[in-house]
Amino acid sequence: MVALYVGGKKDYEITESDLLWLGRAAQGEGGSAAAVIWSWLQRFALPSYRRSFPTLTLLVRAHSQAVNPRWMRGGDFCAADSRHAGTAPCAEALLDRRERNATRDPSAFSPEVKAAIAALRKGSLANPVPRAVDFASHELVESYIRNHPGSRAVSVDGNWHVIYAESARWPDGYVALGPGSSWPIVLGSFAAGLAIFGGAWWIWRRV
């Protein structure tokens, strides 16, 4: 499996759950799948977010409204007694769409999202937004840039991504993909060896 490397050191093993939710969220967000995925990978490298979200799945589901359980039907943001109930962000059409996003099978991903997840799995997903750690509408991004000196924006396929002042100081390749642990392969081979040995011992006992 692929791993996330930060500052040249392996920092986090990307799991099957992470790949599933990255795909679902990227499908729901639209725009460049590679760009939104890399924004989440780089956001996950910020120490403040890592403390709050120990897994990439948790960070993605919290950041992407498209798959955030709090913005779904019955979630605390859109519950009948919440302050957002009946407002545009909790419209029935959006609630239905979020439910579809959160249950979408990978076979139903768009060709672009499928390709991005396949490349991520292999550790070969190109990064079109180096140092970007967030994305939002153009208006929200402009507001953030005005109020946070040292930050800057980049646009990819109509989505606006934000480079925070903190991530702007990262050297090239500070967040990267690399090989994950080989333990599953090693353990599998060990288990197979035990099975062969056990079978041979049983046959020997029968002779």
N, C-alpha and C. Protein backbone atom coordinates (compact mmCIF):
# COMPACT_ATOMS: atom_id res chain seq x y z
N MET A 1 0.84 -1.20 0.00
CA MET A 1 0.00 0.00 0.00
C MET A 1 0.88 1.25 0.00
N VAL A 2 0.36 2.34 -0.52
CA VAL A 2 1.10 3.59 -0.60
C VAL A 2 1.09 4.30 0.75
N ALA A 3 2.11 5.11 0.98
CA ALA A 3 2.21 5.87 2.22
C ALA A 3 2.44 7.34 1.91
N LEU A 4 2.09 8.18 2.89
CA LEU A 4 2.33 9.62 2.79
C LEU A 4 3.66 9.93 3.48
N TYR A 5 4.51 10.64 2.78
CA TYR A 5 5.81 11.03 3.32
C TYR A 5 5.81 12.54 3.57
N VAL A 6 6.27 12.95 4.73
CA VAL A 6 6.33 14.37 5.09
C VAL A 6 7.76 14.70 5.50
N GLY A 7 8.35 15.66 4.82
CA GLY A 7 9.73 16.02 5.12
C GLY A 7 10.71 14.89 4.88
N GLY A 8 10.40 14.02 3.92
CA GLY A 8 11.30 12.94 3.58
C GLY A 8 11.14 11.69 4.41
N LYS A 9 10.21 11.68 5.38
CA LYS A 9 10.01 10.52 6.25
C LYS A 9 8.60 9.97 6.10
N LYS A 10 8.49 8.65 6.14
CA LYS A 10 7.16 8.05 6.06
C LYS A 10 6.35 8.47 7.27
N ASP A 11 5.17 9.02 6.99
CA ASP A 11 4.37 9.62 8.05
C ASP A 11 3.05 8.90 8.30
N TYR A 12 2.47 8.30 7.24
CA TYR A 12 1.14 7.73 7.38
C TYR A 12 0.89 6.72 6.28
N GLU A 13 0.37 5.55 6.66
CA GLU A 13 0.00 4.52 5.68
C GLU A 13 -1.43 4.79 5.20
N ILE A 14 -1.60 5.02 3.91
CA ILE A 14 -2.93 5.26 3.35
C ILE A 14 -3.68 3.93 3.27
N THR A 15 -4.90 3.90 3.81
CA THR A 15 -5.67 2.66 3.93
C THR A 15 -6.71 2.55 2.82
N GLU A 16 -7.33 1.37 2.74
CA GLU A 16 -8.42 1.17 1.79
C GLU A 16 -9.59 2.10 2.12
N SER A 17 -9.85 2.32 3.40
CA SER A 17 -10.90 3.26 3.79
C SER A 17 -10.59 4.66 3.29
N ASP A 18 -9.33 5.08 3.42
CA ASP A 18 -8.93 6.41 2.94
C ASP A 18 -9.17 6.53 1.43
N LEU A 19 -8.80 5.51 0.68
CA LEU A 19 -8.98 5.55 -0.77
C LEU A 19 -10.47 5.64 -1.13
N LEU A 20 -11.30 4.89 -0.42
CA LEU A 20 -12.73 4.90 -0.68
C LEU A 20 -13.32 6.29 -0.45
N TRP A 21 -12.99 6.89 0.70
CA TRP A 21 -13.59 8.19 1.03
C TRP A 21 -12.97 9.33 0.25
N LEU A 22 -11.71 9.22 -0.10
CA LEU A 22 -11.12 10.22 -1.00
C LEU A 22 -11.84 10.20 -2.34
N GLY A 23 -12.14 9.00 -2.84
CA GLY A 23 -12.86 8.90 -4.11
C GLY A 23 -14.27 9.45 -4.01
N ARG A 24 -14.99 9.07 -2.96
CA ARG A 24 -16.36 9.56 -2.79
C ARG A 24 -16.39 11.08 -2.65
N ALA A 25 -15.47 11.62 -1.85
CA ALA A 25 -15.45 13.06 -1.64
C ALA A 25 -15.03 13.80 -2.91
N ALA A 26 -14.03 13.29 -3.61
CA ALA A 26 -13.59 13.93 -4.86
C ALA A 26 -14.71 13.92 -5.88
N GLN A 27 -15.46 12.82 -5.94
CA GLN A 27 -16.60 12.74 -6.86
C GLN A 27 -17.64 13.79 -6.50
N GLY A 28 -17.88 13.98 -5.21
CA GLY A 28 -18.88 14.94 -4.78
C GLY A 28 -18.46 16.39 -4.94
N GLU A 29 -17.16 16.65 -4.84
CA GLU A 29 -16.68 18.03 -4.94
C GLU A 29 -16.61 18.52 -6.38
N GLY A 30 -16.31 17.63 -7.32
CA GLY A 30 -16.16 18.04 -8.70
C GLY A 30 -14.82 18.72 -8.92
N GLY A 31 -14.63 19.29 -10.11
CA GLY A 31 -13.35 19.90 -10.44
C GLY A 31 -12.29 18.84 -10.66
N SER A 32 -11.03 19.21 -10.51
CA SER A 32 -9.92 18.30 -10.70
C SER A 32 -9.83 17.33 -9.53
N ALA A 33 -10.01 16.04 -9.79
CA ALA A 33 -9.92 15.04 -8.72
C ALA A 33 -8.53 15.04 -8.10
N ALA A 34 -7.50 15.12 -8.93
CA ALA A 34 -6.13 15.11 -8.41
C ALA A 34 -5.88 16.32 -7.51
N ALA A 35 -6.42 17.47 -7.89
CA ALA A 35 -6.19 18.69 -7.11
C ALA A 35 -6.86 18.62 -5.74
N VAL A 36 -8.13 18.17 -5.69
CA VAL A 36 -8.79 18.13 -4.39
C VAL A 36 -8.16 17.03 -3.51
N ILE A 37 -7.78 15.91 -4.10
CA ILE A 37 -7.14 14.84 -3.32
C ILE A 37 -5.82 15.32 -2.74
N TRP A 38 -5.01 16.01 -3.55
CA TRP A 38 -3.73 16.49 -3.05
C TRP A 38 -3.91 17.59 -2.01
N SER A 39 -4.96 18.39 -2.13
CA SER A 39 -5.22 19.41 -1.10
C SER A 39 -5.49 18.73 0.24
N TRP A 40 -6.22 17.61 0.21
CA TRP A 40 -6.48 16.88 1.46
C TRP A 40 -5.22 16.20 1.98
N LEU A 41 -4.43 15.60 1.10
CA LEU A 41 -3.19 14.96 1.54
C LEU A 41 -2.28 15.98 2.22
N GLN A 42 -2.16 17.16 1.63
CA GLN A 42 -1.28 18.19 2.18
C GLN A 42 -1.88 18.82 3.45
N ARG A 43 -3.19 18.94 3.51
CA ARG A 43 -3.84 19.44 4.72
C ARG A 43 -3.57 18.49 5.88
N PHE A 44 -3.58 17.19 5.57
CA PHE A 44 -3.35 16.17 6.58
C PHE A 44 -1.95 16.26 7.17
N ALA A 45 -1.03 16.88 6.43
CA ALA A 45 0.34 17.02 6.90
C ALA A 45 0.52 18.18 7.87
N LEU A 46 -0.48 19.05 7.99
CA LEU A 46 -0.39 20.17 8.94
C LEU A 46 -0.58 19.62 10.36
N PRO A 47 0.34 19.90 11.27
CA PRO A 47 0.27 19.32 12.63
C PRO A 47 -1.05 19.59 13.34
N SER A 48 -1.62 20.77 13.16
CA SER A 48 -2.87 21.09 13.87
C SER A 48 -4.01 20.20 13.43
N TYR A 49 -4.06 19.86 12.15
CA TYR A 49 -5.12 18.98 11.65
C TYR A 49 -4.84 17.52 12.01
N ARG A 50 -3.58 17.13 12.02
CA ARG A 50 -3.26 15.76 12.37
C ARG A 50 -3.66 15.46 13.81
N ARG A 51 -3.51 16.45 14.69
CA ARG A 51 -3.92 16.24 16.09
C ARG A 51 -5.42 16.04 16.20
N SER A 52 -6.18 16.72 15.36
CA SER A 52 -7.65 16.62 15.42
C SER A 52 -8.17 15.41 14.67
N PHE A 53 -7.46 15.00 13.61
CA PHE A 53 -7.93 13.92 12.74
C PHE A 53 -6.81 12.90 12.57
N PRO A 54 -6.82 11.82 13.35
CA PRO A 54 -5.73 10.84 13.28
C PRO A 54 -5.71 10.01 12.00
N THR A 55 -6.82 10.00 11.25
CA THR A 55 -6.83 9.27 9.98
C THR A 55 -7.24 10.21 8.86
N LEU A 56 -6.81 9.87 7.67
CA LEU A 56 -7.16 10.67 6.50
C LEU A 56 -8.67 10.61 6.24
N THR A 57 -9.29 9.46 6.47
CA THR A 57 -10.73 9.33 6.30
C THR A 57 -11.48 10.34 7.16
N LEU A 58 -11.09 10.47 8.42
CA LEU A 58 -11.77 11.41 9.33
C LEU A 58 -11.61 12.85 8.85
N LEU A 59 -10.41 13.20 8.39
CA LEU A 59 -10.19 14.56 7.90
C LEU A 59 -11.04 14.85 6.67
N VAL A 60 -11.04 13.92 5.72
CA VAL A 60 -11.79 14.14 4.48
C VAL A 60 -13.29 14.27 4.76
N ARG A 61 -13.83 13.42 5.61
CA ARG A 61 -15.27 13.47 5.89
C ARG A 61 -15.64 14.72 6.67
N ALA A 62 -14.71 15.27 7.44
CA ALA A 62 -14.99 16.51 8.16
C ALA A 62 -14.86 17.73 7.24
N HIS A 63 -13.93 17.68 6.28
CA HIS A 63 -13.67 18.84 5.44
C HIS A 63 -14.61 18.94 4.25
N SER A 64 -14.98 17.80 3.68
CA SER A 64 -15.81 17.81 2.48
C SER A 64 -17.29 17.75 2.85
N GLN A 65 -18.01 18.83 2.59
CA GLN A 65 -19.45 18.83 2.89
C GLN A 65 -20.18 17.75 2.11
N ALA A 66 -19.61 17.36 0.97
CA ALA A 66 -20.26 16.35 0.13
C ALA A 66 -20.41 15.00 0.82
N VAL A 67 -19.56 14.72 1.82
CA VAL A 67 -19.63 13.44 2.52
C VAL A 67 -19.61 13.59 4.04
N ASN A 68 -19.77 14.81 4.51
CA ASN A 68 -19.73 15.08 5.95
C ASN A 68 -21.02 14.61 6.61
N PRO A 69 -20.96 13.67 7.56
CA PRO A 69 -22.19 13.17 8.19
C PRO A 69 -22.96 14.25 8.93
N ARG A 70 -22.29 15.31 9.35
CA ARG A 70 -22.98 16.38 10.07
C ARG A 70 -23.89 17.20 9.16
N TRP A 71 -23.61 17.16 7.84
CA TRP A 71 -24.44 17.89 6.87
C TRP A 71 -25.45 16.99 6.18
N MET A 72 -25.59 15.76 6.67
CA MET A 72 -26.55 14.85 6.06
C MET A 72 -27.88 14.88 6.81
N ARG A 73 -28.86 14.24 6.21
CA ARG A 73 -30.18 14.17 6.83
C ARG A 73 -30.06 13.53 8.21
N GLY A 74 -30.49 14.26 9.23
CA GLY A 74 -30.36 13.77 10.60
C GLY A 74 -29.08 14.18 11.28
N GLY A 75 -28.11 14.70 10.51
CA GLY A 75 -26.87 15.19 11.11
C GLY A 75 -27.14 16.47 11.89
N ASP A 76 -26.25 16.83 12.81
CA ASP A 76 -26.56 17.96 13.70
C ASP A 76 -26.66 19.30 12.98
N PHE A 77 -26.08 19.44 11.78
CA PHE A 77 -26.22 20.71 11.05
C PHE A 77 -27.57 20.81 10.33
N CYS A 78 -28.13 19.68 9.93
CA CYS A 78 -29.37 19.70 9.15
C CYS A 78 -30.54 19.01 9.86
N ALA A 79 -30.40 18.70 11.14
CA ALA A 79 -31.49 18.09 11.89
C ALA A 79 -32.67 19.06 11.96
N ALA A 80 -33.85 18.52 12.21
CA ALA A 80 -35.07 19.33 12.20
C ALA A 80 -35.00 20.50 13.17
N ASP A 81 -34.27 20.34 14.28
CA ASP A 81 -34.21 21.39 15.29
C ASP A 81 -32.92 22.21 15.21
N SER A 82 -32.15 22.05 14.12
CA SER A 82 -30.90 22.80 13.98
C SER A 82 -31.16 24.17 13.36
N ARG A 83 -30.19 25.06 13.50
CA ARG A 83 -30.37 26.42 12.97
C ARG A 83 -30.32 26.45 11.45
N HIS A 84 -29.79 25.39 10.82
CA HIS A 84 -29.74 25.34 9.36
C HIS A 84 -30.96 24.67 8.74
N ALA A 85 -31.81 24.09 9.59
CA ALA A 85 -32.97 23.35 9.06
C ALA A 85 -33.83 24.27 8.18
N GLY A 86 -34.17 23.78 6.99
CA GLY A 86 -35.00 24.56 6.09
C GLY A 86 -34.26 25.59 5.28
N THR A 87 -32.95 25.73 5.48
CA THR A 87 -32.17 26.70 4.71
C THR A 87 -31.59 26.02 3.47
N ALA A 88 -31.01 26.84 2.58
CA ALA A 88 -30.48 26.32 1.32
C ALA A 88 -29.44 25.22 1.51
N PRO A 89 -28.50 25.32 2.47
CA PRO A 89 -27.50 24.25 2.62
C PRO A 89 -28.10 22.90 3.02
N CYS A 90 -29.34 22.93 3.53
CA CYS A 90 -29.98 21.68 3.95
C CYS A 90 -31.20 21.36 3.08
N ALA A 91 -31.19 21.86 1.85
CA ALA A 91 -32.29 21.57 0.93
C ALA A 91 -32.35 20.08 0.65
N GLU A 92 -33.55 19.57 0.40
CA GLU A 92 -33.73 18.14 0.19
C GLU A 92 -32.85 17.60 -0.94
N ALA A 93 -32.71 18.38 -2.00
CA ALA A 93 -31.90 17.92 -3.13
C ALA A 93 -30.44 17.72 -2.71
N LEU A 94 -29.93 18.62 -1.86
CA LEU A 94 -28.56 18.49 -1.39
C LEU A 94 -28.42 17.31 -0.43
N LEU A 95 -29.41 17.13 0.42
CA LEU A 95 -29.38 15.99 1.35
C LEU A 95 -29.36 14.67 0.59
N ASP A 96 -30.18 14.60 -0.46
CA ASP A 96 -30.20 13.39 -1.29
C ASP A 96 -28.84 13.17 -1.96
N ARG A 97 -28.26 14.26 -2.44
CA ARG A 97 -26.97 14.15 -3.13
C ARG A 97 -25.87 13.70 -2.17
N ARG A 98 -25.88 14.24 -0.94
CA ARG A 98 -24.86 13.83 0.03
C ARG A 98 -25.01 12.36 0.40
N GLU A 99 -26.25 11.90 0.50
CA GLU A 99 -26.48 10.50 0.80
C GLU A 99 -25.94 9.61 -0.32
N ARG A 100 -26.14 10.03 -1.56
CA ARG A 100 -25.60 9.27 -2.70
C ARG A 100 -24.07 9.28 -2.67
N ASN A 101 -23.50 10.45 -2.36
CA ASN A 101 -22.04 10.56 -2.30
C ASN A 101 -21.46 9.61 -1.26
N ALA A 102 -22.11 9.56 -0.09
CA ALA A 102 -21.58 8.80 1.04
C ALA A 102 -21.75 7.29 0.89
N THR A 103 -22.54 6.88 -0.08
CA THR A 103 -22.78 5.44 -0.28
C THR A 103 -22.34 4.98 -1.67
N ARG A 104 -21.72 5.86 -2.44
CA ARG A 104 -21.37 5.54 -3.83
C ARG A 104 -20.31 4.43 -3.87
N ASP A 105 -20.57 3.43 -4.67
CA ASP A 105 -19.61 2.36 -4.89
C ASP A 105 -18.51 2.85 -5.83
N PRO A 106 -17.27 2.44 -5.61
CA PRO A 106 -16.18 2.87 -6.50
C PRO A 106 -16.44 2.58 -7.98
N SER A 107 -17.25 1.57 -8.27
CA SER A 107 -17.56 1.27 -9.66
C SER A 107 -18.36 2.39 -10.32
N ALA A 108 -18.98 3.24 -9.49
CA ALA A 108 -19.79 4.34 -10.01
C ALA A 108 -19.02 5.67 -10.04
N PHE A 109 -17.73 5.65 -9.70
CA PHE A 109 -16.92 6.86 -9.81
C PHE A 109 -16.76 7.23 -11.28
N SER A 110 -16.54 8.50 -11.55
CA SER A 110 -16.27 8.94 -12.91
C SER A 110 -14.91 8.39 -13.36
N PRO A 111 -14.67 8.33 -14.67
CA PRO A 111 -13.36 7.85 -15.15
C PRO A 111 -12.20 8.63 -14.55
N GLU A 112 -12.37 9.96 -14.39
CA GLU A 112 -11.28 10.77 -13.83
C GLU A 112 -11.00 10.39 -12.39
N VAL A 113 -12.05 10.22 -11.58
CA VAL A 113 -11.85 9.86 -10.18
C VAL A 113 -11.27 8.46 -10.06
N LYS A 114 -11.77 7.53 -10.87
CA LYS A 114 -11.20 6.18 -10.86
C LYS A 114 -9.71 6.22 -11.18
N ALA A 115 -9.33 7.00 -12.19
CA ALA A 115 -7.93 7.09 -12.58
C ALA A 115 -7.08 7.72 -11.47
N ALA A 116 -7.63 8.74 -10.80
CA ALA A 116 -6.90 9.40 -9.73
C ALA A 116 -6.67 8.45 -8.55
N ILE A 117 -7.69 7.70 -8.18
CA ILE A 117 -7.55 6.77 -7.06
C ILE A 117 -6.59 5.64 -7.42
N ALA A 118 -6.67 5.15 -8.65
CA ALA A 118 -5.73 4.10 -9.09
C ALA A 118 -4.29 4.59 -9.06
N ALA A 119 -4.07 5.84 -9.50
CA ALA A 119 -2.73 6.40 -9.48
C ALA A 119 -2.25 6.63 -8.05
N LEU A 120 -3.16 7.08 -7.18
CA LEU A 120 -2.80 7.27 -5.77
C LEU A 120 -2.40 5.95 -5.14
N ARG A 121 -3.16 4.91 -5.42
CA ARG A 121 -2.85 3.59 -4.88
C ARG A 121 -1.42 3.15 -5.27
N LYS A 122 -1.01 3.50 -6.49
CA LYS A 122 0.32 3.12 -6.96
C LYS A 122 1.40 4.12 -6.55
N GLY A 123 0.98 5.24 -5.95
CA GLY A 123 1.95 6.26 -5.55
C GLY A 123 2.41 7.14 -6.68
N SER A 124 1.62 7.19 -7.78
CA SER A 124 2.04 7.94 -8.96
C SER A 124 1.12 9.12 -9.30
N LEU A 125 0.23 9.50 -8.36
CA LEU A 125 -0.69 10.60 -8.64
C LEU A 125 0.06 11.92 -8.65
N ALA A 126 0.09 12.59 -9.81
CA ALA A 126 0.79 13.87 -9.93
C ALA A 126 0.09 14.95 -9.11
N ASN A 127 0.87 15.87 -8.58
CA ASN A 127 0.34 16.93 -7.71
C ASN A 127 0.21 18.24 -8.49
N PRO A 128 -1.03 18.64 -8.86
CA PRO A 128 -1.19 19.89 -9.60
C PRO A 128 -1.29 21.13 -8.71
N VAL A 129 -1.29 20.93 -7.38
CA VAL A 129 -1.45 22.07 -6.46
C VAL A 129 -0.45 21.98 -5.31
N PRO A 130 0.85 22.03 -5.60
CA PRO A 130 1.84 21.93 -4.53
C PRO A 130 1.59 22.95 -3.42
N ARG A 131 1.62 22.47 -2.17
CA ARG A 131 1.48 23.28 -0.96
C ARG A 131 0.05 23.71 -0.65
N ALA A 132 -0.91 23.47 -1.55
CA ALA A 132 -2.31 23.84 -1.28
C ALA A 132 -2.89 22.91 -0.22
N VAL A 133 -3.64 23.48 0.72
CA VAL A 133 -4.19 22.69 1.83
C VAL A 133 -5.68 22.95 2.04
N ASP A 134 -6.31 23.66 1.13
CA ASP A 134 -7.73 23.96 1.27
C ASP A 134 -8.28 24.35 -0.09
N PHE A 135 -9.61 24.37 -0.21
CA PHE A 135 -10.26 24.87 -1.42
C PHE A 135 -11.67 25.32 -1.05
N ALA A 136 -12.17 26.27 -1.82
CA ALA A 136 -13.50 26.82 -1.54
C ALA A 136 -13.93 27.65 -2.74
N SER A 137 -15.07 28.32 -2.60
CA SER A 137 -15.52 29.20 -3.68
C SER A 137 -14.54 30.36 -3.83
N HIS A 138 -14.58 31.00 -5.00
CA HIS A 138 -13.66 32.12 -5.27
C HIS A 138 -13.83 33.21 -4.22
N GLU A 139 -15.06 33.52 -3.84
CA GLU A 139 -15.31 34.59 -2.88
C GLU A 139 -14.71 34.27 -1.51
N LEU A 140 -14.89 33.04 -1.05
CA LEU A 140 -14.34 32.66 0.25
C LEU A 140 -12.82 32.63 0.23
N VAL A 141 -12.27 32.17 -0.89
CA VAL A 141 -10.81 32.15 -1.00
C VAL A 141 -10.25 33.56 -1.00
N GLU A 142 -10.86 34.45 -1.74
CA GLU A 142 -10.39 35.84 -1.77
C GLU A 142 -10.44 36.45 -0.37
N SER A 143 -11.52 36.17 0.36
CA SER A 143 -11.65 36.69 1.72
C SER A 143 -10.55 36.15 2.62
N TYR A 144 -10.26 34.87 2.47
CA TYR A 144 -9.21 34.26 3.30
C TYR A 144 -7.86 34.91 2.99
N ILE A 145 -7.56 35.08 1.71
CA ILE A 145 -6.28 35.65 1.31
C ILE A 145 -6.11 37.07 1.86
N ARG A 146 -7.19 37.85 1.82
CA ARG A 146 -7.13 39.23 2.33
C ARG A 146 -6.82 39.25 3.81
N ASN A 147 -7.33 38.28 4.54
CA ASN A 147 -7.21 38.31 6.00
C ASN A 147 -6.06 37.47 6.55
N HIS A 148 -5.31 36.81 5.67
CA HIS A 148 -4.21 35.97 6.12
C HIS A 148 -2.97 36.25 5.27
N PRO A 149 -2.17 37.23 5.68
CA PRO A 149 -0.96 37.57 4.93
C PRO A 149 -0.04 36.35 4.77
N GLY A 150 0.53 36.25 3.59
CA GLY A 150 1.43 35.14 3.31
C GLY A 150 0.75 33.97 2.63
N SER A 151 -0.58 33.98 2.62
CA SER A 151 -1.32 32.93 1.92
C SER A 151 -1.54 33.34 0.47
N ARG A 152 -1.82 32.37 -0.38
CA ARG A 152 -2.10 32.70 -1.78
C ARG A 152 -3.01 31.63 -2.38
N ALA A 153 -3.57 31.93 -3.54
CA ALA A 153 -4.55 31.05 -4.16
C ALA A 153 -4.06 30.53 -5.50
N VAL A 154 -4.61 29.37 -5.89
CA VAL A 154 -4.33 28.80 -7.20
C VAL A 154 -5.63 28.19 -7.72
N SER A 155 -5.92 28.39 -9.00
CA SER A 155 -7.15 27.87 -9.60
C SER A 155 -6.83 26.69 -10.51
N VAL A 156 -7.59 25.60 -10.33
CA VAL A 156 -7.44 24.42 -11.17
C VAL A 156 -8.84 23.93 -11.55
N ASP A 157 -9.14 23.91 -12.84
CA ASP A 157 -10.42 23.42 -13.36
C ASP A 157 -11.62 24.07 -12.67
N GLY A 158 -11.52 25.36 -12.42
CA GLY A 158 -12.65 26.08 -11.85
C GLY A 158 -12.72 26.05 -10.34
N ASN A 159 -11.94 25.21 -9.68
CA ASN A 159 -11.88 25.19 -8.22
C ASN A 159 -10.74 26.07 -7.73
N TRP A 160 -10.98 26.78 -6.64
CA TRP A 160 -9.95 27.64 -6.08
C TRP A 160 -9.34 26.98 -4.85
N HIS A 161 -8.03 26.81 -4.89
CA HIS A 161 -7.30 26.16 -3.81
C HIS A 161 -6.44 27.19 -3.08
N VAL A 162 -6.21 26.94 -1.79
CA VAL A 162 -5.51 27.91 -0.95
C VAL A 162 -4.21 27.32 -0.42
N ILE A 163 -3.15 28.09 -0.54
CA ILE A 163 -1.87 27.77 0.09
C ILE A 163 -1.77 28.64 1.34
N TYR A 164 -1.78 28.01 2.50
CA TYR A 164 -1.67 28.75 3.75
C TYR A 164 -0.26 29.32 3.90
N ALA A 165 -0.12 30.33 4.74
CA ALA A 165 1.21 30.89 4.99
C ALA A 165 2.16 29.82 5.52
N GLU A 166 1.63 28.90 6.34
CA GLU A 166 2.45 27.82 6.90
C GLU A 166 2.94 26.88 5.81
N SER A 167 2.04 26.45 4.93
CA SER A 167 2.45 25.51 3.89
C SER A 167 3.26 26.18 2.79
N ALA A 168 3.11 27.49 2.63
CA ALA A 168 3.89 28.21 1.61
C ALA A 168 5.38 28.12 1.89
N ARG A 169 5.74 27.87 3.13
CA ARG A 169 7.16 27.79 3.51
C ARG A 169 7.74 26.38 3.31
N TRP A 170 6.90 25.44 2.94
CA TRP A 170 7.41 24.08 2.74
C TRP A 170 8.39 24.04 1.55
N PRO A 171 9.45 23.26 1.65
CA PRO A 171 10.32 23.09 0.47
C PRO A 171 9.62 22.22 -0.58
N ASP A 172 10.15 22.21 -1.78
CA ASP A 172 9.59 21.38 -2.84
C ASP A 172 9.55 19.91 -2.40
N GLY A 173 8.42 19.26 -2.69
CA GLY A 173 8.29 17.84 -2.36
C GLY A 173 8.18 17.54 -0.89
N TYR A 174 7.82 18.51 -0.09
CA TYR A 174 7.73 18.29 1.37
C TYR A 174 6.70 17.22 1.70
N VAL A 175 5.57 17.23 0.99
CA VAL A 175 4.57 16.17 1.13
C VAL A 175 4.62 15.34 -0.15
N ALA A 176 4.82 14.05 -0.02
CA ALA A 176 5.00 13.19 -1.20
C ALA A 176 4.42 11.81 -0.93
N LEU A 177 4.32 11.03 -1.99
CA LEU A 177 3.88 9.65 -1.89
C LEU A 177 5.08 8.73 -2.00
N GLY A 178 4.99 7.58 -1.32
CA GLY A 178 6.08 6.62 -1.38
C GLY A 178 5.60 5.25 -0.98
N PRO A 179 6.51 4.28 -0.96
CA PRO A 179 6.11 2.91 -0.64
C PRO A 179 5.62 2.78 0.80
N GLY A 180 4.58 1.97 0.96
CA GLY A 180 4.07 1.68 2.29
C GLY A 180 4.73 0.45 2.86
N SER A 181 4.16 -0.06 3.93
CA SER A 181 4.72 -1.21 4.62
C SER A 181 4.53 -2.48 3.79
N SER A 182 5.49 -3.38 3.86
CA SER A 182 5.38 -4.67 3.19
C SER A 182 4.94 -5.76 4.15
N TRP A 183 4.55 -5.37 5.36
CA TRP A 183 4.18 -6.38 6.36
C TRP A 183 3.07 -7.31 5.90
N PRO A 184 2.01 -6.82 5.22
CA PRO A 184 0.98 -7.77 4.78
C PRO A 184 1.52 -8.88 3.90
N ILE A 185 2.49 -8.54 3.03
CA ILE A 185 3.09 -9.55 2.16
C ILE A 185 3.92 -10.52 2.98
N VAL A 186 4.73 -9.96 3.91
CA VAL A 186 5.59 -10.79 4.73
C VAL A 186 4.76 -11.74 5.58
N LEU A 187 3.73 -11.21 6.23
CA LEU A 187 2.88 -12.04 7.07
C LEU A 187 2.15 -13.09 6.26
N GLY A 188 1.72 -12.72 5.04
CA GLY A 188 1.04 -13.68 4.19
C GLY A 188 1.96 -14.83 3.81
N SER A 189 3.21 -14.50 3.50
CA SER A 189 4.17 -15.54 3.14
C SER A 189 4.47 -16.43 4.34
N PHE A 190 4.56 -15.80 5.52
CA PHE A 190 4.82 -16.56 6.74
C PHE A 190 3.68 -17.52 7.02
N ALA A 191 2.44 -17.01 6.87
CA ALA A 191 1.27 -17.86 7.12
C ALA A 191 1.23 -19.01 6.12
N ALA A 192 1.55 -18.72 4.86
CA ALA A 192 1.56 -19.78 3.84
C ALA A 192 2.62 -20.82 4.17
N GLY A 193 3.78 -20.37 4.65
CA GLY A 193 4.83 -21.30 5.03
C GLY A 193 4.41 -22.21 6.16
N LEU A 194 3.72 -21.63 7.15
CA LEU A 194 3.22 -22.44 8.26
C LEU A 194 2.22 -23.49 7.77
N ALA A 195 1.35 -23.08 6.84
CA ALA A 195 0.35 -24.02 6.32
C ALA A 195 1.02 -25.18 5.59
N ILE A 196 2.05 -24.87 4.78
CA ILE A 196 2.76 -25.92 4.05
C ILE A 196 3.47 -26.86 5.02
N PHE A 197 4.14 -26.23 6.03
CA PHE A 197 4.84 -27.04 7.01
C PHE A 197 3.87 -27.94 7.77
N GLY A 198 2.71 -27.35 8.16
CA GLY A 198 1.71 -28.12 8.90
C GLY A 198 1.18 -29.27 8.07
N GLY A 199 0.95 -29.04 6.78
CA GLY A 199 0.46 -30.09 5.91
C GLY A 199 1.48 -31.20 5.74
N ALA A 200 2.75 -30.80 5.59
CA ALA A 200 3.81 -31.80 5.44
C ALA A 200 3.93 -32.65 6.70
N TRP A 201 3.84 -31.98 7.87
CA TRP A 201 3.94 -32.71 9.15
C TRP A 201 2.80 -33.70 9.29
N TRP A 202 1.57 -33.28 8.87
CA TRP A 202 0.39 -34.17 8.99
C TRP A 202 0.56 -35.39 8.08
N ILE A 203 1.07 -35.15 6.84
CA ILE A 203 1.30 -36.27 5.92
C ILE A 203 2.34 -37.21 6.49
N TRP A 204 3.43 -36.63 7.06
CA TRP A 204 4.48 -37.47 7.63
C TRP A 204 3.94 -38.35 8.75
N ARG A 205 3.04 -37.77 9.58
CA ARG A 205 2.47 -38.51 10.68
C ARG A 205 1.59 -39.64 10.17
N ARG A 206 1.02 -39.47 8.98
CA ARG A 206 0.10 -40.47 8.43
C ARG A 206 0.87 -41.66 7.81
N VAL A 207 2.12 -41.42 7.42
CA VAL A 207 2.89 -42.45 6.73
C VAL A 207 3.25 -43.59 7.71
